[in-house]
Amino acid sequence: MRVLFDGVVPVAYGQTYVTSRELPDMSRAFAGQANGLCGAGEPGALFLMTGTHSGRVHFTIELHDDEPATAVQEWEEIVEVSFLPRDAVVGLVPWGDGTLARLPLTPEGQDAGRLPVYRVRYCAAGIAYLHDWAATLPPPPTLWEQVEAEMLMRLEKERREEEYRRGRRWSGASHCPPSSPT
């Protein structure tokens, strides 16, 4: 087991993130999930909710080679999600701020080729109400729905570009009546 971070994280709006690159969108991060604590709906990012709205929260982030024993008595909430990072080093990012800590998932953060899907266990206290909110979100679009939406956007873009080109060709061809002498 390696401890990747053990310290205090500033939070605002009860949020902090673990991300490979971009910050996750809240609705997409939690879409289709039953838990409202650790959103993993966007590849490469985790959206972490805390019981503290604004302030400082102690976090310990550990990387285990094997499944750790469950610490049921210590926590009110324990959720597990799958996490597919995009980089060998991810960042712990407080809301509205830059990276607080770099978290190397491989030894020394070296690129080891294709990264595995990690199982994340997020343990917390005092935030059960967030599960109700997440359960109301619709499921994320299927892969086919995402491909279809992308194709429709491309076709619409091509249609608009063609419409614009046709309009540009004729824009200089308008005829004005000759002005009358005064």
N, C-alpha and C. Protein backbone atom coordinates (compact mmCIF):
# COMPACT_ATOMS: atom_id res chain seq x y z
N MET A 1 0.84 -1.17 0.00
CA MET A 1 0.00 0.00 0.00
C MET A 1 0.89 1.24 0.00
N ARG A 2 0.51 2.20 -0.87
CA ARG A 2 1.22 3.49 -0.90
C ARG A 2 0.23 4.58 -0.54
N VAL A 3 0.64 5.51 0.31
CA VAL A 3 -0.16 6.69 0.62
C VAL A 3 0.20 7.75 -0.41
N LEU A 4 -0.77 8.14 -1.23
CA LEU A 4 -0.54 9.14 -2.27
C LEU A 4 -0.76 10.55 -1.76
N PHE A 5 -1.64 10.69 -0.75
CA PHE A 5 -1.90 12.00 -0.16
C PHE A 5 -2.47 11.79 1.23
N ASP A 6 -2.02 12.59 2.16
CA ASP A 6 -2.57 12.59 3.52
C ASP A 6 -2.48 14.02 4.02
N GLY A 7 -3.60 14.72 3.94
CA GLY A 7 -3.57 16.11 4.35
C GLY A 7 -4.93 16.77 4.24
N VAL A 8 -4.93 18.06 4.37
CA VAL A 8 -6.15 18.85 4.36
C VAL A 8 -6.38 19.42 2.96
N VAL A 9 -7.64 19.34 2.52
CA VAL A 9 -8.03 19.83 1.20
C VAL A 9 -9.07 20.93 1.39
N PRO A 10 -8.85 22.11 0.81
CA PRO A 10 -9.89 23.13 0.87
C PRO A 10 -11.05 22.74 -0.04
N VAL A 11 -12.27 22.87 0.46
CA VAL A 11 -13.44 22.55 -0.36
C VAL A 11 -14.38 23.75 -0.41
N ALA A 12 -15.07 23.85 -1.50
CA ALA A 12 -16.13 24.84 -1.67
C ALA A 12 -17.28 24.11 -2.34
N TYR A 13 -18.49 24.47 -1.95
CA TYR A 13 -19.68 23.79 -2.46
C TYR A 13 -19.62 22.29 -2.21
N GLY A 14 -18.83 21.87 -1.23
CA GLY A 14 -18.71 20.46 -0.87
C GLY A 14 -18.01 19.61 -1.93
N GLN A 15 -17.19 20.23 -2.79
CA GLN A 15 -16.63 19.53 -3.94
C GLN A 15 -15.11 19.55 -3.97
N THR A 16 -14.56 18.46 -4.46
CA THR A 16 -13.15 18.37 -4.85
C THR A 16 -13.07 17.28 -5.91
N TYR A 17 -11.97 17.19 -6.63
CA TYR A 17 -11.90 16.29 -7.77
C TYR A 17 -10.55 15.57 -7.82
N VAL A 18 -10.59 14.39 -8.41
CA VAL A 18 -9.37 13.69 -8.82
C VAL A 18 -9.50 13.59 -10.33
N THR A 19 -8.51 14.12 -11.05
CA THR A 19 -8.68 14.20 -12.50
C THR A 19 -7.36 14.00 -13.24
N SER A 20 -7.49 13.41 -14.42
CA SER A 20 -6.35 13.25 -15.32
C SER A 20 -6.10 14.54 -16.09
N ARG A 21 -7.18 15.22 -16.45
CA ARG A 21 -7.04 16.44 -17.25
C ARG A 21 -8.09 17.47 -16.88
N GLU A 22 -9.28 17.38 -17.51
CA GLU A 22 -10.32 18.37 -17.29
C GLU A 22 -11.13 18.06 -16.04
N LEU A 23 -11.73 19.11 -15.49
CA LEU A 23 -12.64 18.91 -14.36
C LEU A 23 -13.93 18.28 -14.86
N PRO A 24 -14.51 17.39 -14.08
CA PRO A 24 -15.75 16.74 -14.52
C PRO A 24 -16.96 17.64 -14.38
N ASP A 25 -17.95 17.41 -15.23
CA ASP A 25 -19.25 18.07 -15.12
C ASP A 25 -20.06 17.29 -14.09
N MET A 26 -20.69 17.98 -13.15
CA MET A 26 -21.37 17.31 -12.05
C MET A 26 -22.46 16.35 -12.51
N SER A 27 -23.35 16.80 -13.38
CA SER A 27 -24.45 15.94 -13.82
C SER A 27 -23.95 14.72 -14.58
N ARG A 28 -22.96 14.92 -15.47
CA ARG A 28 -22.43 13.78 -16.22
C ARG A 28 -21.64 12.84 -15.31
N ALA A 29 -20.97 13.39 -14.31
CA ALA A 29 -20.17 12.56 -13.40
C ALA A 29 -21.04 11.59 -12.61
N PHE A 30 -22.25 12.03 -12.24
CA PHE A 30 -23.12 11.21 -11.40
C PHE A 30 -24.25 10.53 -12.18
N ALA A 31 -24.39 10.81 -13.46
CA ALA A 31 -25.49 10.25 -14.26
C ALA A 31 -25.49 8.73 -14.21
N GLY A 32 -26.67 8.18 -13.90
CA GLY A 32 -26.83 6.73 -13.88
C GLY A 32 -26.28 6.04 -12.66
N GLN A 33 -25.79 6.79 -11.69
CA GLN A 33 -25.23 6.18 -10.49
C GLN A 33 -26.25 6.24 -9.35
N ALA A 34 -26.12 5.32 -8.42
CA ALA A 34 -27.00 5.31 -7.26
C ALA A 34 -26.39 6.09 -6.10
N ASN A 35 -25.09 6.37 -6.19
CA ASN A 35 -24.45 7.11 -5.10
C ASN A 35 -24.26 8.56 -5.51
N GLY A 36 -24.32 9.45 -4.54
CA GLY A 36 -24.13 10.87 -4.80
C GLY A 36 -22.87 11.39 -4.15
N LEU A 37 -21.92 10.51 -3.89
CA LEU A 37 -20.71 10.91 -3.19
C LEU A 37 -19.48 10.93 -4.08
N CYS A 38 -19.36 9.95 -4.96
CA CYS A 38 -18.18 9.82 -5.81
C CYS A 38 -18.64 9.58 -7.24
N GLY A 39 -18.67 10.64 -8.03
CA GLY A 39 -19.11 10.56 -9.42
C GLY A 39 -17.98 10.11 -10.32
N ALA A 40 -18.19 9.01 -11.03
CA ALA A 40 -17.17 8.45 -11.91
C ALA A 40 -17.69 8.27 -13.33
N GLY A 41 -18.72 9.02 -13.69
CA GLY A 41 -19.34 8.86 -15.00
C GLY A 41 -18.55 9.41 -16.17
N GLU A 42 -17.55 10.23 -15.91
CA GLU A 42 -16.72 10.76 -16.99
C GLU A 42 -15.34 10.13 -16.90
N PRO A 43 -14.87 9.51 -18.00
CA PRO A 43 -13.54 8.87 -17.96
C PRO A 43 -12.46 9.87 -17.57
N GLY A 44 -11.55 9.40 -16.74
CA GLY A 44 -10.41 10.23 -16.35
C GLY A 44 -10.65 11.16 -15.19
N ALA A 45 -11.84 11.11 -14.57
CA ALA A 45 -12.12 12.05 -13.49
C ALA A 45 -13.04 11.45 -12.44
N LEU A 46 -12.85 11.89 -11.21
CA LEU A 46 -13.74 11.56 -10.10
C LEU A 46 -14.25 12.86 -9.50
N PHE A 47 -15.53 12.94 -9.26
CA PHE A 47 -16.16 14.11 -8.65
C PHE A 47 -16.49 13.72 -7.23
N LEU A 48 -15.79 14.28 -6.24
CA LEU A 48 -15.95 13.90 -4.84
C LEU A 48 -16.76 14.94 -4.09
N MET A 49 -17.82 14.49 -3.42
CA MET A 49 -18.65 15.36 -2.59
C MET A 49 -18.26 15.14 -1.13
N THR A 50 -18.27 16.23 -0.36
CA THR A 50 -17.95 16.14 1.07
C THR A 50 -19.14 16.67 1.88
N GLY A 51 -19.14 16.39 3.16
CA GLY A 51 -20.19 16.89 4.04
C GLY A 51 -19.98 18.33 4.44
N THR A 52 -18.80 18.87 4.19
CA THR A 52 -18.48 20.26 4.50
C THR A 52 -18.73 21.10 3.26
N HIS A 53 -19.58 22.12 3.37
CA HIS A 53 -19.87 22.98 2.23
C HIS A 53 -18.64 23.82 1.86
N SER A 54 -18.11 24.53 2.81
CA SER A 54 -16.94 25.38 2.58
C SER A 54 -16.02 25.25 3.78
N GLY A 55 -14.78 25.00 3.51
CA GLY A 55 -13.82 24.84 4.60
C GLY A 55 -12.71 23.89 4.20
N ARG A 56 -12.27 23.13 5.19
CA ARG A 56 -11.14 22.23 4.97
C ARG A 56 -11.54 20.83 5.44
N VAL A 57 -11.18 19.83 4.63
CA VAL A 57 -11.52 18.44 4.93
C VAL A 57 -10.24 17.61 4.83
N HIS A 58 -10.06 16.73 5.80
CA HIS A 58 -8.89 15.85 5.77
C HIS A 58 -9.16 14.68 4.82
N PHE A 59 -8.22 14.44 3.90
CA PHE A 59 -8.30 13.34 2.96
C PHE A 59 -7.06 12.47 3.11
N THR A 60 -7.26 11.16 3.02
CA THR A 60 -6.16 10.22 2.89
C THR A 60 -6.44 9.42 1.63
N ILE A 61 -5.50 9.44 0.71
CA ILE A 61 -5.66 8.71 -0.56
C ILE A 61 -4.57 7.64 -0.59
N GLU A 62 -5.03 6.39 -0.65
CA GLU A 62 -4.12 5.25 -0.63
C GLU A 62 -4.28 4.45 -1.93
N LEU A 63 -3.19 3.85 -2.36
CA LEU A 63 -3.21 2.96 -3.53
C LEU A 63 -2.81 1.57 -3.04
N HIS A 64 -3.73 0.63 -3.18
CA HIS A 64 -3.51 -0.73 -2.70
C HIS A 64 -3.30 -1.68 -3.87
N ASP A 65 -2.44 -2.67 -3.68
CA ASP A 65 -2.26 -3.72 -4.68
C ASP A 65 -3.39 -4.73 -4.63
N ASP A 66 -3.94 -4.94 -3.45
CA ASP A 66 -5.04 -5.87 -3.24
C ASP A 66 -6.19 -5.15 -2.54
N GLU A 67 -7.38 -5.73 -2.59
CA GLU A 67 -8.54 -5.12 -1.95
C GLU A 67 -8.31 -4.98 -0.45
N PRO A 68 -8.43 -3.76 0.07
CA PRO A 68 -8.24 -3.57 1.52
C PRO A 68 -9.46 -4.04 2.30
N ALA A 69 -9.25 -4.30 3.56
CA ALA A 69 -10.37 -4.67 4.43
C ALA A 69 -11.30 -3.47 4.55
N THR A 70 -12.59 -3.74 4.65
CA THR A 70 -13.58 -2.67 4.78
C THR A 70 -13.58 -2.13 6.20
N ALA A 71 -13.55 -0.81 6.31
CA ALA A 71 -13.53 -0.14 7.62
C ALA A 71 -14.94 0.32 7.96
N VAL A 72 -15.87 -0.61 8.05
CA VAL A 72 -17.29 -0.31 8.21
C VAL A 72 -17.57 0.51 9.46
N GLN A 73 -16.93 0.22 10.56
CA GLN A 73 -17.25 0.90 11.81
C GLN A 73 -16.78 2.35 11.84
N GLU A 74 -15.80 2.68 11.03
CA GLU A 74 -15.26 4.04 11.04
C GLU A 74 -16.08 5.02 10.21
N TRP A 75 -16.88 4.54 9.26
CA TRP A 75 -17.52 5.42 8.29
C TRP A 75 -19.02 5.19 8.21
N GLU A 76 -19.75 6.28 7.96
CA GLU A 76 -21.19 6.19 7.72
C GLU A 76 -21.47 5.80 6.27
N GLU A 77 -20.61 6.22 5.37
CA GLU A 77 -20.80 6.01 3.94
C GLU A 77 -19.56 5.36 3.32
N ILE A 78 -19.78 4.34 2.54
CA ILE A 78 -18.71 3.71 1.78
C ILE A 78 -19.28 3.40 0.40
N VAL A 79 -18.69 3.99 -0.63
CA VAL A 79 -19.13 3.71 -2.00
C VAL A 79 -17.92 3.27 -2.81
N GLU A 80 -18.18 2.47 -3.82
CA GLU A 80 -17.11 2.03 -4.71
C GLU A 80 -17.51 2.32 -6.14
N VAL A 81 -16.55 2.80 -6.93
CA VAL A 81 -16.75 3.10 -8.33
C VAL A 81 -15.52 2.65 -9.11
N SER A 82 -15.69 2.50 -10.41
CA SER A 82 -14.56 2.19 -11.29
C SER A 82 -14.01 3.49 -11.84
N PHE A 83 -12.69 3.55 -11.97
CA PHE A 83 -12.01 4.77 -12.42
C PHE A 83 -10.98 4.40 -13.47
N LEU A 84 -11.13 4.98 -14.66
CA LEU A 84 -10.18 4.77 -15.74
C LEU A 84 -9.42 6.08 -15.97
N PRO A 85 -8.20 6.19 -15.40
CA PRO A 85 -7.45 7.44 -15.58
C PRO A 85 -6.92 7.54 -17.01
N ARG A 86 -6.65 8.76 -17.42
CA ARG A 86 -6.08 9.01 -18.75
C ARG A 86 -4.57 9.16 -18.69
N ASP A 87 -4.04 9.37 -17.50
CA ASP A 87 -2.60 9.56 -17.33
C ASP A 87 -2.13 8.76 -16.12
N ALA A 88 -0.82 8.49 -16.08
CA ALA A 88 -0.23 7.76 -14.96
C ALA A 88 -0.18 8.60 -13.69
N VAL A 89 -0.32 9.92 -13.83
CA VAL A 89 -0.36 10.82 -12.68
C VAL A 89 -1.65 11.61 -12.78
N VAL A 90 -2.45 11.57 -11.72
CA VAL A 90 -3.69 12.34 -11.68
C VAL A 90 -3.52 13.44 -10.63
N GLY A 91 -4.39 14.42 -10.68
CA GLY A 91 -4.30 15.53 -9.74
C GLY A 91 -5.45 15.54 -8.76
N LEU A 92 -5.16 15.94 -7.54
CA LEU A 92 -6.19 16.24 -6.55
C LEU A 92 -6.44 17.73 -6.66
N VAL A 93 -7.65 18.11 -7.08
CA VAL A 93 -7.95 19.50 -7.43
C VAL A 93 -9.12 20.01 -6.59
N PRO A 94 -8.89 20.99 -5.73
CA PRO A 94 -10.01 21.61 -5.00
C PRO A 94 -10.86 22.44 -5.94
N TRP A 95 -12.13 22.66 -5.56
CA TRP A 95 -13.03 23.47 -6.37
C TRP A 95 -12.46 24.87 -6.55
N GLY A 96 -12.46 25.36 -7.79
CA GLY A 96 -12.04 26.72 -8.07
C GLY A 96 -10.56 26.97 -7.91
N ASP A 97 -9.75 25.94 -7.93
CA ASP A 97 -8.32 26.11 -7.69
C ASP A 97 -7.56 25.17 -8.61
N GLY A 98 -6.25 25.30 -8.62
CA GLY A 98 -5.39 24.41 -9.39
C GLY A 98 -5.09 23.15 -8.61
N THR A 99 -4.24 22.33 -9.18
CA THR A 99 -3.88 21.05 -8.57
C THR A 99 -3.22 21.26 -7.21
N LEU A 100 -3.76 20.61 -6.20
CA LEU A 100 -3.21 20.65 -4.85
C LEU A 100 -2.10 19.62 -4.70
N ALA A 101 -2.30 18.43 -5.27
CA ALA A 101 -1.32 17.36 -5.15
C ALA A 101 -1.35 16.50 -6.41
N ARG A 102 -0.19 16.03 -6.79
CA ARG A 102 -0.07 15.07 -7.90
C ARG A 102 -0.07 13.67 -7.30
N LEU A 103 -0.86 12.79 -7.88
CA LEU A 103 -1.02 11.44 -7.36
C LEU A 103 -0.51 10.43 -8.39
N PRO A 104 0.72 9.92 -8.23
CA PRO A 104 1.26 8.96 -9.20
C PRO A 104 0.64 7.58 -9.00
N LEU A 105 0.00 7.07 -10.04
CA LEU A 105 -0.65 5.77 -9.96
C LEU A 105 0.30 4.62 -10.27
N THR A 106 1.39 4.94 -10.96
CA THR A 106 2.43 3.95 -11.25
C THR A 106 3.68 4.37 -10.48
N PRO A 107 4.61 3.45 -10.28
CA PRO A 107 5.83 3.85 -9.57
C PRO A 107 6.49 5.05 -10.25
N GLU A 108 6.73 6.08 -9.47
CA GLU A 108 7.32 7.34 -9.93
C GLU A 108 6.52 8.02 -11.03
N GLY A 109 5.26 7.62 -11.22
CA GLY A 109 4.40 8.27 -12.20
C GLY A 109 4.82 8.05 -13.63
N GLN A 110 5.59 7.01 -13.88
CA GLN A 110 6.05 6.75 -15.25
C GLN A 110 4.93 6.17 -16.08
N ASP A 111 4.92 6.55 -17.35
CA ASP A 111 3.92 6.02 -18.26
C ASP A 111 4.21 4.54 -18.48
N ALA A 112 3.30 3.69 -18.05
CA ALA A 112 3.49 2.24 -18.15
C ALA A 112 2.64 1.66 -19.27
N GLY A 113 2.31 2.47 -20.26
CA GLY A 113 1.44 2.00 -21.33
C GLY A 113 -0.01 2.13 -20.92
N ARG A 114 -0.80 1.17 -21.31
CA ARG A 114 -2.23 1.21 -21.00
C ARG A 114 -2.45 1.04 -19.50
N LEU A 115 -3.19 1.98 -18.92
CA LEU A 115 -3.48 1.94 -17.49
C LEU A 115 -4.67 1.04 -17.21
N PRO A 116 -4.69 0.39 -16.06
CA PRO A 116 -5.83 -0.46 -15.73
C PRO A 116 -7.02 0.38 -15.25
N VAL A 117 -8.16 -0.25 -15.15
CA VAL A 117 -9.31 0.36 -14.52
C VAL A 117 -9.13 0.13 -13.02
N TYR A 118 -9.16 1.21 -12.26
CA TYR A 118 -8.98 1.12 -10.81
C TYR A 118 -10.33 1.03 -10.13
N ARG A 119 -10.37 0.34 -9.01
CA ARG A 119 -11.57 0.31 -8.18
C ARG A 119 -11.32 1.29 -7.05
N VAL A 120 -12.18 2.30 -6.94
CA VAL A 120 -12.03 3.35 -5.93
C VAL A 120 -13.05 3.13 -4.83
N ARG A 121 -12.57 3.16 -3.61
CA ARG A 121 -13.47 3.10 -2.45
C ARG A 121 -13.39 4.46 -1.77
N TYR A 122 -14.53 5.13 -1.69
CA TYR A 122 -14.60 6.46 -1.10
C TYR A 122 -15.41 6.34 0.19
N CYS A 123 -14.80 6.68 1.30
CA CYS A 123 -15.43 6.58 2.62
C CYS A 123 -15.64 7.98 3.18
N ALA A 124 -16.83 8.20 3.77
CA ALA A 124 -17.16 9.54 4.27
C ALA A 124 -18.17 9.43 5.41
N ALA A 125 -18.43 10.57 6.03
CA ALA A 125 -19.42 10.65 7.10
C ALA A 125 -20.27 11.90 6.92
N GLY A 126 -21.56 11.79 7.22
CA GLY A 126 -22.44 12.96 7.26
C GLY A 126 -22.98 13.46 5.95
N ILE A 127 -23.08 12.63 4.90
CA ILE A 127 -23.54 13.16 3.62
C ILE A 127 -24.51 12.21 2.89
N ALA A 128 -25.33 11.46 3.59
CA ALA A 128 -26.24 10.48 2.95
C ALA A 128 -27.25 11.13 2.02
N TYR A 129 -27.66 12.38 2.27
CA TYR A 129 -28.70 13.02 1.46
C TYR A 129 -28.32 13.13 -0.01
N LEU A 130 -27.04 13.11 -0.34
CA LEU A 130 -26.61 13.25 -1.72
C LEU A 130 -26.98 12.03 -2.57
N HIS A 131 -27.22 10.88 -1.95
CA HIS A 131 -27.64 9.71 -2.71
C HIS A 131 -29.00 9.95 -3.37
N ASP A 132 -29.91 10.61 -2.67
CA ASP A 132 -31.23 10.88 -3.22
C ASP A 132 -31.14 11.73 -4.48
N TRP A 133 -30.27 12.74 -4.46
CA TRP A 133 -30.10 13.61 -5.64
C TRP A 133 -29.57 12.80 -6.83
N ALA A 134 -28.54 11.99 -6.62
CA ALA A 134 -27.93 11.24 -7.72
C ALA A 134 -28.92 10.24 -8.32
N ALA A 135 -29.76 9.65 -7.49
CA ALA A 135 -30.72 8.65 -7.97
C ALA A 135 -31.75 9.26 -8.92
N THR A 136 -31.95 10.58 -8.90
CA THR A 136 -32.93 11.22 -9.79
C THR A 136 -32.35 11.54 -11.16
N LEU A 137 -31.05 11.43 -11.34
CA LEU A 137 -30.43 11.76 -12.62
C LEU A 137 -30.70 10.66 -13.64
N PRO A 138 -30.93 11.04 -14.91
CA PRO A 138 -31.14 10.02 -15.94
C PRO A 138 -29.83 9.30 -16.23
N PRO A 139 -29.92 8.09 -16.76
CA PRO A 139 -28.69 7.37 -17.10
C PRO A 139 -27.95 8.10 -18.22
N PRO A 140 -26.65 7.92 -18.31
CA PRO A 140 -25.90 8.56 -19.39
C PRO A 140 -26.28 7.95 -20.73
N PRO A 141 -26.04 8.66 -21.83
CA PRO A 141 -26.37 8.09 -23.14
C PRO A 141 -25.49 6.86 -23.41
N THR A 142 -26.07 5.91 -24.15
CA THR A 142 -25.31 4.73 -24.53
C THR A 142 -24.25 5.13 -25.55
N LEU A 143 -23.33 4.23 -25.81
CA LEU A 143 -22.29 4.52 -26.81
C LEU A 143 -22.93 4.80 -28.16
N TRP A 144 -23.93 4.01 -28.54
CA TRP A 144 -24.61 4.23 -29.82
C TRP A 144 -25.28 5.60 -29.85
N GLU A 145 -25.93 6.00 -28.78
CA GLU A 145 -26.56 7.32 -28.72
C GLU A 145 -25.53 8.44 -28.83
N GLN A 146 -24.36 8.25 -28.24
CA GLN A 146 -23.29 9.25 -28.35
C GLN A 146 -22.79 9.35 -29.78
N VAL A 147 -22.59 8.20 -30.45
CA VAL A 147 -22.13 8.19 -31.84
C VAL A 147 -23.17 8.84 -32.74
N GLU A 148 -24.45 8.49 -32.54
CA GLU A 148 -25.53 9.06 -33.34
C GLU A 148 -25.61 10.58 -33.17
N ALA A 149 -25.48 11.05 -31.94
CA ALA A 149 -25.53 12.50 -31.68
C ALA A 149 -24.36 13.20 -32.36
N GLU A 150 -23.19 12.59 -32.33
CA GLU A 150 -22.01 13.18 -32.98
C GLU A 150 -22.22 13.24 -34.49
N MET A 151 -22.78 12.19 -35.07
CA MET A 151 -23.04 12.18 -36.52
C MET A 151 -24.04 13.28 -36.89
N LEU A 152 -25.09 13.43 -36.10
CA LEU A 152 -26.09 14.46 -36.38
C LEU A 152 -25.49 15.86 -36.27
N MET A 153 -24.61 16.06 -35.29
CA MET A 153 -23.95 17.38 -35.15
C MET A 153 -23.07 17.66 -36.36
N ARG A 154 -22.34 16.65 -36.83
CA ARG A 154 -21.49 16.84 -38.02
C ARG A 154 -22.32 17.17 -39.25
N LEU A 155 -23.42 16.43 -39.45
CA LEU A 155 -24.29 16.71 -40.60
C LEU A 155 -24.86 18.11 -40.54
N GLU A 156 -25.30 18.54 -39.37
CA GLU A 156 -25.84 19.89 -39.21
C GLU A 156 -24.76 20.94 -39.50
N LYS A 157 -23.55 20.69 -39.03
CA LYS A 157 -22.45 21.63 -39.28
C LYS A 157 -22.17 21.72 -40.78
N GLU A 158 -22.13 20.57 -41.45
CA GLU A 158 -21.90 20.57 -42.90
C GLU A 158 -23.01 21.30 -43.64
N ARG A 159 -24.28 21.10 -43.21
CA ARG A 159 -25.41 21.78 -43.83
C ARG A 159 -25.28 23.29 -43.68
N ARG A 160 -24.92 23.74 -42.47
CA ARG A 160 -24.78 25.18 -42.24
C ARG A 160 -23.62 25.77 -43.04
N GLU A 161 -22.51 25.03 -43.12
CA GLU A 161 -21.37 25.52 -43.90
C GLU A 161 -21.73 25.64 -45.37
N GLU A 162 -22.47 24.66 -45.91
CA GLU A 162 -22.91 24.71 -47.31
C GLU A 162 -23.87 25.87 -47.52
N GLU A 163 -24.78 26.07 -46.60
CA GLU A 163 -25.72 27.18 -46.67
C GLU A 163 -24.97 28.51 -46.66
N TYR A 164 -23.97 28.61 -45.83
CA TYR A 164 -23.16 29.83 -45.74
C TYR A 164 -22.42 30.06 -47.06
N ARG A 165 -21.81 28.97 -47.63
CA ARG A 165 -21.09 29.11 -48.91
C ARG A 165 -22.02 29.57 -50.02
N ARG A 166 -23.22 28.99 -50.08
CA ARG A 166 -24.18 29.40 -51.11
C ARG A 166 -24.56 30.86 -50.93
N GLY A 167 -24.77 31.29 -49.72
CA GLY A 167 -25.12 32.69 -49.45
C GLY A 167 -23.99 33.63 -49.82
N ARG A 168 -22.74 33.21 -49.59
CA ARG A 168 -21.58 34.05 -49.91
C ARG A 168 -21.43 34.20 -51.42
N ARG A 169 -21.74 33.15 -52.20
CA ARG A 169 -21.60 33.22 -53.65
C ARG A 169 -22.54 34.25 -54.24
N TRP A 170 -23.73 34.37 -53.71
CA TRP A 170 -24.73 35.25 -54.28
C TRP A 170 -24.77 36.61 -53.62
N SER A 171 -24.04 36.80 -52.55
CA SER A 171 -24.16 38.06 -51.83
C SER A 171 -23.68 39.27 -52.65
N GLY A 172 -22.72 39.09 -53.55
CA GLY A 172 -22.22 40.21 -54.32
C GLY A 172 -22.96 40.40 -55.62
N ALA A 173 -23.95 39.58 -55.93
CA ALA A 173 -24.62 39.63 -57.21
C ALA A 173 -25.93 40.40 -57.17
N SER A 174 -26.23 41.07 -56.10
CA SER A 174 -27.50 41.80 -56.05
C SER A 174 -27.40 43.03 -56.94
N HIS A 175 -28.51 43.38 -57.54
CA HIS A 175 -28.54 44.53 -58.44
C HIS A 175 -29.33 45.64 -57.80
N CYS A 176 -28.78 46.82 -57.85
CA CYS A 176 -29.46 48.00 -57.33
C CYS A 176 -29.87 48.84 -58.53
N PRO A 177 -31.05 49.45 -58.48
CA PRO A 177 -31.42 50.31 -59.60
C PRO A 177 -30.48 51.50 -59.67
N PRO A 178 -30.22 51.98 -60.89
CA PRO A 178 -29.34 53.14 -61.00
C PRO A 178 -29.93 54.33 -60.27
N SER A 179 -29.08 55.12 -59.70
CA SER A 179 -29.57 56.28 -58.99
C SER A 179 -30.06 57.34 -59.98
N SER A 180 -31.10 58.02 -59.62
CA SER A 180 -31.69 59.01 -60.53
C SER A 180 -30.94 60.33 -60.36
N PRO A 181 -30.74 61.04 -61.49
CA PRO A 181 -30.03 62.31 -61.37
C PRO A 181 -30.91 63.35 -60.67
N THR A 182 -30.32 64.19 -59.92
CA THR A 182 -31.06 65.23 -59.22
C THR A 182 -30.75 66.58 -59.78
